[in-house]
Amino acid sequence: MWGPLFKSTGSTAYLLQIIISLLIIVFFCLILVYFVILQFQKHNYAKMTWDRCGKKGFGLRLEEDISRGQFLIEYVGEVTFNFMYAAG
């Protein structure tokens, strides 16, 4: 996937290459997490309203155009699975 950082074939250089690659991956993951957390702190959600949805009850309707990948809403609550729900 990535080319070698060093031309040497020694085990020390290979180990150093792996360590540097892992540090780069961790660095980019930390940056991504920082920006996701920043998005939550700004409460920069899309504008929505509650709307009647026929027999189904209520739903959310967007009041503005959104772009691909835009953060819409934060779900706060417990996530359960079917087997947990069935167990009562």
Protein backbone atom coordinates (compact mmCIF):
# COMPACT_ATOMS: atom_id res chain seq x y z
CA MET A 1 0.00 0.00 0.00
CA TRP A 2 2.66 2.51 1.01
CA GLY A 3 6.14 2.53 -0.44
CA PRO A 4 9.10 2.04 1.87
CA LEU A 5 10.40 5.14 3.61
CA PHE A 6 13.96 3.83 3.60
CA LYS A 7 15.86 1.88 0.93
CA SER A 8 17.70 -0.27 3.45
CA THR A 9 16.70 -3.92 3.85
CA GLY A 10 17.99 -4.28 7.42
CA SER A 11 15.60 -5.28 10.20
CA THR A 12 16.27 -2.05 12.14
CA ALA A 13 15.23 0.10 9.20
CA TYR A 14 12.16 -2.06 8.63
CA LEU A 15 11.17 -1.74 12.29
CA LEU A 16 11.68 2.02 12.14
CA GLN A 17 9.50 2.16 9.02
CA ILE A 18 6.70 0.30 10.82
CA ILE A 19 6.91 2.59 13.87
CA ILE A 20 6.81 5.72 11.73
CA SER A 21 3.85 4.37 9.72
CA LEU A 22 1.94 3.60 12.93
CA LEU A 23 2.68 7.06 14.34
CA ILE A 24 1.37 8.67 11.17
CA ILE A 25 -1.83 6.63 11.34
CA VAL A 26 -2.36 7.48 15.03
CA PHE A 27 -1.71 11.16 14.32
CA PHE A 28 -4.35 11.28 11.57
CA CYS A 29 -6.86 9.38 13.74
CA LEU A 30 -6.37 11.88 16.56
CA ILE A 31 -6.94 14.77 14.17
CA LEU A 32 -10.13 13.14 12.90
CA VAL A 33 -11.43 12.56 16.43
CA TYR A 34 -10.63 16.18 17.34
CA PHE A 35 -12.72 17.53 14.47
CA VAL A 36 -15.63 15.18 15.24
CA ILE A 37 -15.62 16.32 18.88
CA LEU A 38 -15.40 19.94 17.75
CA GLN A 39 -18.51 19.41 15.59
CA PHE A 40 -20.44 18.14 18.63
CA GLN A 41 -19.32 21.05 20.81
CA LYS A 42 -20.49 23.65 18.30
CA HIS A 43 -23.98 22.07 18.13
CA ASN A 44 -23.88 22.85 14.41
CA TYR A 45 -26.85 20.67 13.46
CA ALA A 46 -29.10 20.91 10.42
CA LYS A 47 -32.36 22.83 10.96
CA MET A 48 -35.27 20.40 11.38
CA THR A 49 -38.88 20.48 12.53
CA TRP A 50 -41.24 17.81 13.82
CA ASP A 51 -43.81 16.88 11.20
CA ARG A 52 -46.84 14.57 11.13
CA CYS A 53 -46.20 11.43 9.07
CA GLY A 54 -49.66 9.98 8.53
CA LYS A 55 -50.42 6.79 10.44
CA LYS A 56 -46.81 6.35 11.51
CA GLY A 57 -46.76 9.27 13.96
CA PHE A 58 -44.13 11.99 13.79
CA GLY A 59 -40.90 12.45 11.91
CA LEU A 60 -38.21 15.05 11.29
CA ARG A 61 -38.29 17.28 8.20
CA LEU A 62 -35.22 19.19 7.06
CA GLU A 63 -35.73 22.93 6.62
CA GLU A 64 -32.53 23.52 4.67
CA ASP A 65 -30.52 21.94 1.89
CA ILE A 66 -27.72 19.72 3.08
CA SER A 67 -24.50 18.58 1.48
CA ARG A 68 -23.07 15.07 1.33
CA GLY A 69 -21.37 14.12 4.60
CA GLN A 70 -22.90 17.02 6.57
CA PHE A 71 -23.68 16.30 10.22
CA LEU A 72 -27.46 16.24 10.73
CA ILE A 73 -28.31 15.37 14.31
CA GLU A 74 -26.86 13.81 17.43
CA TYR A 75 -28.68 10.80 18.86
CA VAL A 76 -28.59 10.70 22.64
CA GLY A 77 -29.96 7.56 24.17
CA GLU A 78 -29.43 3.90 24.77
CA VAL A 79 -28.87 1.60 21.81
CA THR A 80 -30.41 -1.85 22.26
CA PHE A 81 -30.34 -4.95 20.11
CA ASN A 82 -33.26 -7.25 19.22
CA PHE A 83 -32.19 -9.98 21.64
CA MET A 84 -31.97 -7.43 24.47
CA TYR A 85 -35.43 -6.08 23.60
CA ALA A 86 -36.91 -9.59 23.50
CA ALA A 87 -35.43 -10.43 26.90
CA GLY A 88 -37.43 -7.60 28.42
